[in-house]
Amino acid sequence: HKSHQIPTIRSFNDQTYGGSSVCRFDICQNDISAPEIGNMLKFSGTLTFDSEIQEKTKAKSGFCALKIEYPNKIDLRDFEGLEIVIRSKYQQLITFNMACESFVEDDIFQINIELGGKTEWSHIYTPFNKFTLTNRGKEKEYPRQNDSLQLESLGFLLRSSNQGDFEVDILKIIAIHQIPANSFRRQ
């Protein structure tokens, strides 16, 4: 599904809460492994978990996030899921999330993606029915399916379990009508 919208992209981290993680994003020219695609999004930085800050302030410590917001909702109801073409030279556990139109503010659907520290591109298939409903980072006690599928934003979150440097390249995220058989593994 192609959208001709120009999204707003921003990165943020735990410094708002007194932490010391840092991150940034860059739009980079793609390397020769997929020249037909064009540019890629590079999300990089350093995750630092400070238990003293966490204990003292009861605030969040040890996270970096990237958010891609669309100016108009994108209707995904005719699709089964998303294909994410991504890579990381570091072993990473990333939480991928999507915010859709909802009557409950701050509801986010999340799924974990494990990247194996490769320089090759990985094709990750994420069926919408495998996402977990969360609110403010906590799994909801009474989950529901993402019935709306009116996409407002996508995001990537790295937490303190990945302390140290990280670098994630995102080549594309597209809606697909059918998830290939045997292609999805919940992390």
C-alpha atoms as a PDB file:
ATOM      1  CA  HIS A   1       0.000   0.000   0.000  1.00  0.00           C
ATOM      2  CA  LYS A   2       1.577   3.252  -1.071  1.00  0.00           C
ATOM      3  CA  SER A   3       0.862   6.445   0.746  1.00  0.00           C
ATOM      4  CA  HIS A   4       1.950   9.719  -0.771  1.00  0.00           C
ATOM      5  CA  GLN A   5       2.074  11.392   2.614  1.00  0.00           C
ATOM      6  CA  ILE A   6       5.272  12.869   3.953  1.00  0.00           C
ATOM      7  CA  PRO A   7       5.561  11.699   7.556  1.00  0.00           C
ATOM      8  CA  THR A   8       7.101  13.548  10.475  1.00  0.00           C
ATOM      9  CA  ILE A   9       9.981  11.557  11.975  1.00  0.00           C
ATOM     10  CA  ARG A  10      11.441  12.199  15.401  1.00  0.00           C
ATOM     11  CA  SER A  11      13.604  10.426  17.929  1.00  0.00           C
ATOM     12  CA  PHE A  12      13.458  10.722  21.693  1.00  0.00           C
ATOM     13  CA  ASN A  13      15.074   9.125  24.725  1.00  0.00           C
ATOM     14  CA  ASP A  14      15.105   8.906  28.518  1.00  0.00           C
ATOM     15  CA  GLN A  15      16.862  12.269  29.051  1.00  0.00           C
ATOM     16  CA  THR A  16      13.444  13.855  29.650  1.00  0.00           C
ATOM     17  CA  TYR A  17      13.266  11.654  32.756  1.00  0.00           C
ATOM     18  CA  GLY A  18      16.852  12.233  33.909  1.00  0.00           C
ATOM     19  CA  GLY A  19      18.449   9.361  31.976  1.00  0.00           C
ATOM     20  CA  SER A  20      21.543   9.537  29.798  1.00  0.00           C
ATOM     21  CA  SER A  21      20.662   7.509  26.675  1.00  0.00           C
ATOM     22  CA  VAL A  22      21.193   9.285  23.358  1.00  0.00           C
ATOM     23  CA  CYS A  23      19.804   8.626  19.885  1.00  0.00           C
ATOM     24  CA  ARG A  24      19.317  10.184  16.506  1.00  0.00           C
ATOM     25  CA  PHE A  25      18.033   9.367  13.069  1.00  0.00           C
ATOM     26  CA  ASP A  26      19.370  10.160   9.622  1.00  0.00           C
ATOM     27  CA  ILE A  27      17.989   9.727   6.144  1.00  0.00           C
ATOM     28  CA  CYS A  28      20.869   8.047   4.310  1.00  0.00           C
ATOM     29  CA  GLN A  29      21.555   6.913   0.810  1.00  0.00           C
ATOM     30  CA  ASN A  30      21.010   3.181   0.616  1.00  0.00           C
ATOM     31  CA  ASP A  31      24.009   0.975   0.019  1.00  0.00           C
ATOM     32  CA  ILE A  32      24.289  -1.230  -3.059  1.00  0.00           C
ATOM     33  CA  SER A  33      22.397  -4.163  -1.503  1.00  0.00           C
ATOM     34  CA  ALA A  34      19.016  -2.711  -2.551  1.00  0.00           C
ATOM     35  CA  PRO A  35      19.593   0.237  -4.912  1.00  0.00           C
ATOM     36  CA  GLU A  36      16.072   0.068  -6.341  1.00  0.00           C
ATOM     37  CA  ILE A  37      14.575   1.187  -3.020  1.00  0.00           C
ATOM     38  CA  GLY A  38      16.335   4.527  -2.615  1.00  0.00           C
ATOM     39  CA  ASN A  39      17.044   6.050   0.769  1.00  0.00           C
ATOM     40  CA  MET A  40      16.973   4.349   4.155  1.00  0.00           C
ATOM     41  CA  LEU A  41      16.347   5.540   7.696  1.00  0.00           C
ATOM     42  CA  LYS A  42      19.253   4.999  10.113  1.00  0.00           C
ATOM     43  CA  PHE A  43      18.342   5.010  13.834  1.00  0.00           C
ATOM     44  CA  SER A  44      21.387   4.931  16.107  1.00  0.00           C
ATOM     45  CA  GLY A  45      22.676   5.859  19.539  1.00  0.00           C
ATOM     46  CA  THR A  46      23.672   4.528  22.941  1.00  0.00           C
ATOM     47  CA  LEU A  47      21.337   3.003  25.516  1.00  0.00           C
ATOM     48  CA  THR A  48      22.270   3.575  29.148  1.00  0.00           C
ATOM     49  CA  PHE A  49      20.340   2.272  32.126  1.00  0.00           C
ATOM     50  CA  ASP A  50      20.879   4.104  35.405  1.00  0.00           C
ATOM     51  CA  SER A  51      19.284   2.176  38.285  1.00  0.00           C
ATOM     52  CA  GLU A  52      20.007   5.031  40.702  1.00  0.00           C
ATOM     53  CA  ILE A  53      17.982   7.483  38.620  1.00  0.00           C
ATOM     54  CA  GLN A  54      15.265   4.870  38.156  1.00  0.00           C
ATOM     55  CA  GLU A  55      15.046   4.256  41.909  1.00  0.00           C
ATOM     56  CA  LYS A  56      15.347   7.896  42.951  1.00  0.00           C
ATOM     57  CA  THR A  57      12.866   9.402  40.492  1.00  0.00           C
ATOM     58  CA  LYS A  58      10.688   6.344  39.741  1.00  0.00           C
ATOM     59  CA  ALA A  59      11.035   7.545  36.160  1.00  0.00           C
ATOM     60  CA  LYS A  60      11.874   5.643  33.032  1.00  0.00           C
ATOM     61  CA  SER A  61      15.551   5.018  32.305  1.00  0.00           C
ATOM     62  CA  GLY A  62      17.269   3.191  29.499  1.00  0.00           C
ATOM     63  CA  PHE A  63      15.246   3.737  26.327  1.00  0.00           C
ATOM     64  CA  CYS A  64      15.497   5.281  22.879  1.00  0.00           C
ATOM     65  CA  ALA A  65      12.593   5.553  20.463  1.00  0.00           C
ATOM     66  CA  LEU A  66      11.815   6.559  16.903  1.00  0.00           C
ATOM     67  CA  LYS A  67       8.340   7.711  15.857  1.00  0.00           C
ATOM     68  CA  ILE A  68       7.002   8.096  12.319  1.00  0.00           C
ATOM     69  CA  GLU A  69       3.765  10.131  12.307  1.00  0.00           C
ATOM     70  CA  TYR A  70       1.484  10.520   9.311  1.00  0.00           C
ATOM     71  CA  PRO A  71      -0.461  13.763   8.704  1.00  0.00           C
ATOM     72  CA  ASN A  72      -3.558  11.770   7.669  1.00  0.00           C
ATOM     73  CA  LYS A  73      -4.654   8.323   8.787  1.00  0.00           C
ATOM     74  CA  ILE A  74      -3.761   5.419   6.491  1.00  0.00           C
ATOM     75  CA  ASP A  75      -6.483   2.802   6.072  1.00  0.00           C
ATOM     76  CA  LEU A  76      -4.970  -0.681   6.525  1.00  0.00           C
ATOM     77  CA  ARG A  77      -8.229  -2.662   6.755  1.00  0.00           C
ATOM     78  CA  ASP A  78      -7.638  -4.421   3.405  1.00  0.00           C
ATOM     79  CA  PHE A  79      -4.263  -5.780   4.550  1.00  0.00           C
ATOM     80  CA  GLU A  80      -3.175  -8.706   6.741  1.00  0.00           C
ATOM     81  CA  GLY A  81      -0.006  -7.133   8.078  1.00  0.00           C
ATOM     82  CA  LEU A  82       3.235  -5.309   7.420  1.00  0.00           C
ATOM     83  CA  GLU A  83       6.555  -6.230   5.861  1.00  0.00           C
ATOM     84  CA  ILE A  84       9.496  -4.470   7.494  1.00  0.00           C
ATOM     85  CA  VAL A  85      12.857  -4.582   5.733  1.00  0.00           C
ATOM     86  CA  ILE A  86      15.412  -3.892   8.437  1.00  0.00           C
ATOM     87  CA  ARG A  87      18.927  -4.739   9.632  1.00  0.00           C
ATOM     88  CA  SER A  88      21.237  -4.180  12.563  1.00  0.00           C
ATOM     89  CA  LYS A  89      24.907  -4.977  12.915  1.00  0.00           C
ATOM     90  CA  TYR A  90      24.240  -5.507  16.635  1.00  0.00           C
ATOM     91  CA  GLN A  91      22.045  -8.188  18.179  1.00  0.00           C
ATOM     92  CA  GLN A  92      18.939  -6.197  19.117  1.00  0.00           C
ATOM     93  CA  LEU A  93      15.498  -6.748  20.563  1.00  0.00           C
ATOM     94  CA  ILE A  94      13.314  -3.989  19.189  1.00  0.00           C
ATOM     95  CA  THR A  95       9.704  -3.254  20.010  1.00  0.00           C
ATOM     96  CA  PHE A  96       7.832  -2.197  16.885  1.00  0.00           C
ATOM     97  CA  ASN A  97       4.591  -0.355  17.498  1.00  0.00           C
ATOM     98  CA  MET A  98       1.676   1.120  15.663  1.00  0.00           C
ATOM     99  CA  ALA A  99      -0.850   3.640  16.878  1.00  0.00           C
ATOM    100  CA  CYS A 100      -4.237   3.516  15.225  1.00  0.00           C
ATOM    101  CA  GLU A 101      -7.350   5.570  15.648  1.00  0.00           C
ATOM    102  CA  SER A 102      -8.871   4.596  18.997  1.00  0.00           C
ATOM    103  CA  PHE A 103     -11.402   5.877  21.485  1.00  0.00           C
ATOM    104  CA  VAL A 104      -8.794   5.171  24.219  1.00  0.00           C
ATOM    105  CA  GLU A 105      -5.944   7.678  24.226  1.00  0.00           C
ATOM    106  CA  ASP A 106      -2.406   6.216  24.293  1.00  0.00           C
ATOM    107  CA  ASP A 107      -3.421   2.727  23.138  1.00  0.00           C
ATOM    108  CA  ILE A 108      -0.497   1.276  21.172  1.00  0.00           C
ATOM    109  CA  PHE A 109      -0.227  -2.105  19.467  1.00  0.00           C
ATOM    110  CA  GLN A 110       3.262  -3.614  19.893  1.00  0.00           C
ATOM    111  CA  ILE A 111       5.275  -6.580  18.714  1.00  0.00           C
ATOM    112  CA  ASN A 112       8.877  -7.551  19.493  1.00  0.00           C
ATOM    113  CA  ILE A 113      11.377  -8.078  16.699  1.00  0.00           C
ATOM    114  CA  GLU A 114      14.717  -9.776  17.259  1.00  0.00           C
ATOM    115  CA  LEU A 115      17.526  -8.801  14.918  1.00  0.00           C
ATOM    116  CA  GLY A 116      20.500 -11.115  14.709  1.00  0.00           C
ATOM    117  CA  GLY A 117      23.401  -8.760  14.111  1.00  0.00           C
ATOM    118  CA  LYS A 118      23.678  -9.169  10.331  1.00  0.00           C
ATOM    119  CA  THR A 119      24.671  -6.826   7.566  1.00  0.00           C
ATOM    120  CA  GLU A 120      22.069  -8.364   5.223  1.00  0.00           C
ATOM    121  CA  TRP A 121      18.539  -7.047   5.131  1.00  0.00           C
ATOM    122  CA  SER A 122      15.907  -9.040   7.059  1.00  0.00           C
ATOM    123  CA  HIS A 123      12.310  -9.210   5.867  1.00  0.00           C
ATOM    124  CA  ILE A 124      10.104  -9.227   8.966  1.00  0.00           C
ATOM    125  CA  TYR A 125       6.425 -10.024   8.479  1.00  0.00           C
ATOM    126  CA  THR A 126       4.108  -8.772  11.223  1.00  0.00           C
ATOM    127  CA  PRO A 127       0.462  -9.882  11.039  1.00  0.00           C
ATOM    128  CA  PHE A 128      -1.856  -7.342  12.655  1.00  0.00           C
ATOM    129  CA  ASN A 129      -3.504 -10.064  14.781  1.00  0.00           C
ATOM    130  CA  LYS A 130      -0.164 -10.856  16.506  1.00  0.00           C
ATOM    131  CA  PHE A 131       0.328  -7.372  17.968  1.00  0.00           C
ATOM    132  CA  THR A 132      -0.243  -6.910  21.709  1.00  0.00           C
ATOM    133  CA  LEU A 133      -2.371  -4.015  22.939  1.00  0.00           C
ATOM    134  CA  THR A 134      -0.560  -1.759  25.419  1.00  0.00           C
ATOM    135  CA  ASN A 135      -1.194   1.547  27.114  1.00  0.00           C
ATOM    136  CA  ARG A 136       1.697   3.665  28.418  1.00  0.00           C
ATOM    137  CA  GLY A 137       4.084   0.731  28.003  1.00  0.00           C
ATOM    138  CA  LYS A 138       2.026  -1.834  29.917  1.00  0.00           C
ATOM    139  CA  GLU A 139       0.107  -4.738  28.392  1.00  0.00           C
ATOM    140  CA  LYS A 140      -3.623  -4.169  28.797  1.00  0.00           C
ATOM    141  CA  GLU A 141      -5.466  -6.518  31.126  1.00  0.00           C
ATOM    142  CA  TYR A 142      -8.360  -6.848  28.676  1.00  0.00           C
ATOM    143  CA  PRO A 143      -6.785  -6.818  25.205  1.00  0.00           C
ATOM    144  CA  ARG A 144      -8.745  -6.359  22.007  1.00  0.00           C
ATOM    145  CA  GLN A 145      -7.899  -6.727  18.337  1.00  0.00           C
ATOM    146  CA  ASN A 146      -6.928  -3.682  16.328  1.00  0.00           C
ATOM    147  CA  ASP A 147     -10.311  -3.277  14.668  1.00  0.00           C
ATOM    148  CA  SER A 148      -9.765   0.271  13.457  1.00  0.00           C
ATOM    149  CA  LEU A 149      -6.538  -0.222  11.467  1.00  0.00           C
ATOM    150  CA  GLN A 150      -6.593   3.510  10.741  1.00  0.00           C
ATOM    151  CA  LEU A 151      -2.846   4.034  11.117  1.00  0.00           C
ATOM    152  CA  GLU A 152      -1.660   7.256  12.750  1.00  0.00           C
ATOM    153  CA  SER A 153       1.977   6.418  13.526  1.00  0.00           C
ATOM    154  CA  LEU A 154       4.636   3.698  13.592  1.00  0.00           C
ATOM    155  CA  GLY A 155       7.534   3.425  15.997  1.00  0.00           C
ATOM    156  CA  PHE A 156      10.608   1.545  17.123  1.00  0.00           C
ATOM    157  CA  LEU A 157      11.642   1.263  20.782  1.00  0.00           C
ATOM    158  CA  LEU A 158      14.888  -0.049  22.262  1.00  0.00           C
ATOM    159  CA  ARG A 159      15.013  -0.645  26.015  1.00  0.00           C
ATOM    160  CA  SER A 160      17.726  -1.064  28.613  1.00  0.00           C
ATOM    161  CA  SER A 161      18.015  -4.805  27.928  1.00  0.00           C
ATOM    162  CA  ASN A 162      20.068  -3.685  24.894  1.00  0.00           C
ATOM    163  CA  GLN A 163      22.526  -1.457  26.813  1.00  0.00           C
ATOM    164  CA  GLY A 164      25.335   0.017  24.734  1.00  0.00           C
ATOM    165  CA  ASP A 165      25.569   1.208  21.168  1.00  0.00           C
ATOM    166  CA  PHE A 166      22.881   0.414  18.641  1.00  0.00           C
ATOM    167  CA  GLU A 167      22.334   1.021  14.958  1.00  0.00           C
ATOM    168  CA  VAL A 168      19.216   0.006  13.060  1.00  0.00           C
ATOM    169  CA  ASP A 169      18.698   0.575   9.334  1.00  0.00           C
ATOM    170  CA  ILE A 170      15.113   0.644   8.085  1.00  0.00           C
ATOM    171  CA  LEU A 171      14.736   0.230   4.351  1.00  0.00           C
ATOM    172  CA  LYS A 172      10.969   0.005   4.010  1.00  0.00           C
ATOM    173  CA  ILE A 173       7.717  -0.679   5.818  1.00  0.00           C
ATOM    174  CA  ILE A 174       4.836  -1.689   3.576  1.00  0.00           C
ATOM    175  CA  ALA A 175       1.343  -3.061   4.072  1.00  0.00           C
ATOM    176  CA  ILE A 176       0.824  -6.478   2.516  1.00  0.00           C
ATOM    177  CA  HIS A 177      -2.357  -8.337   1.665  1.00  0.00           C
ATOM    178  CA  GLN A 178      -1.109 -11.766   2.734  1.00  0.00           C
ATOM    179  CA  ILE A 179       1.624 -12.814   5.143  1.00  0.00           C
ATOM    180  CA  PRO A 180       3.797 -15.531   3.524  1.00  0.00           C
ATOM    181  CA  ALA A 181       3.244 -18.974   5.078  1.00  0.00           C
ATOM    182  CA  ASN A 182       5.598 -19.904   7.939  1.00  0.00           C
ATOM    183  CA  SER A 183       7.209 -16.458   7.930  1.00  0.00           C
ATOM    184  CA  PHE A 184       6.146 -15.147  11.352  1.00  0.00           C
ATOM    185  CA  ARG A 185       7.755 -16.010  14.682  1.00  0.00           C
ATOM    186  CA  ARG A 186       6.742 -14.225  17.882  1.00  0.00           C
ATOM    187  CA  GLN A 187       9.836 -13.118  19.800  1.00  0.00           C
END
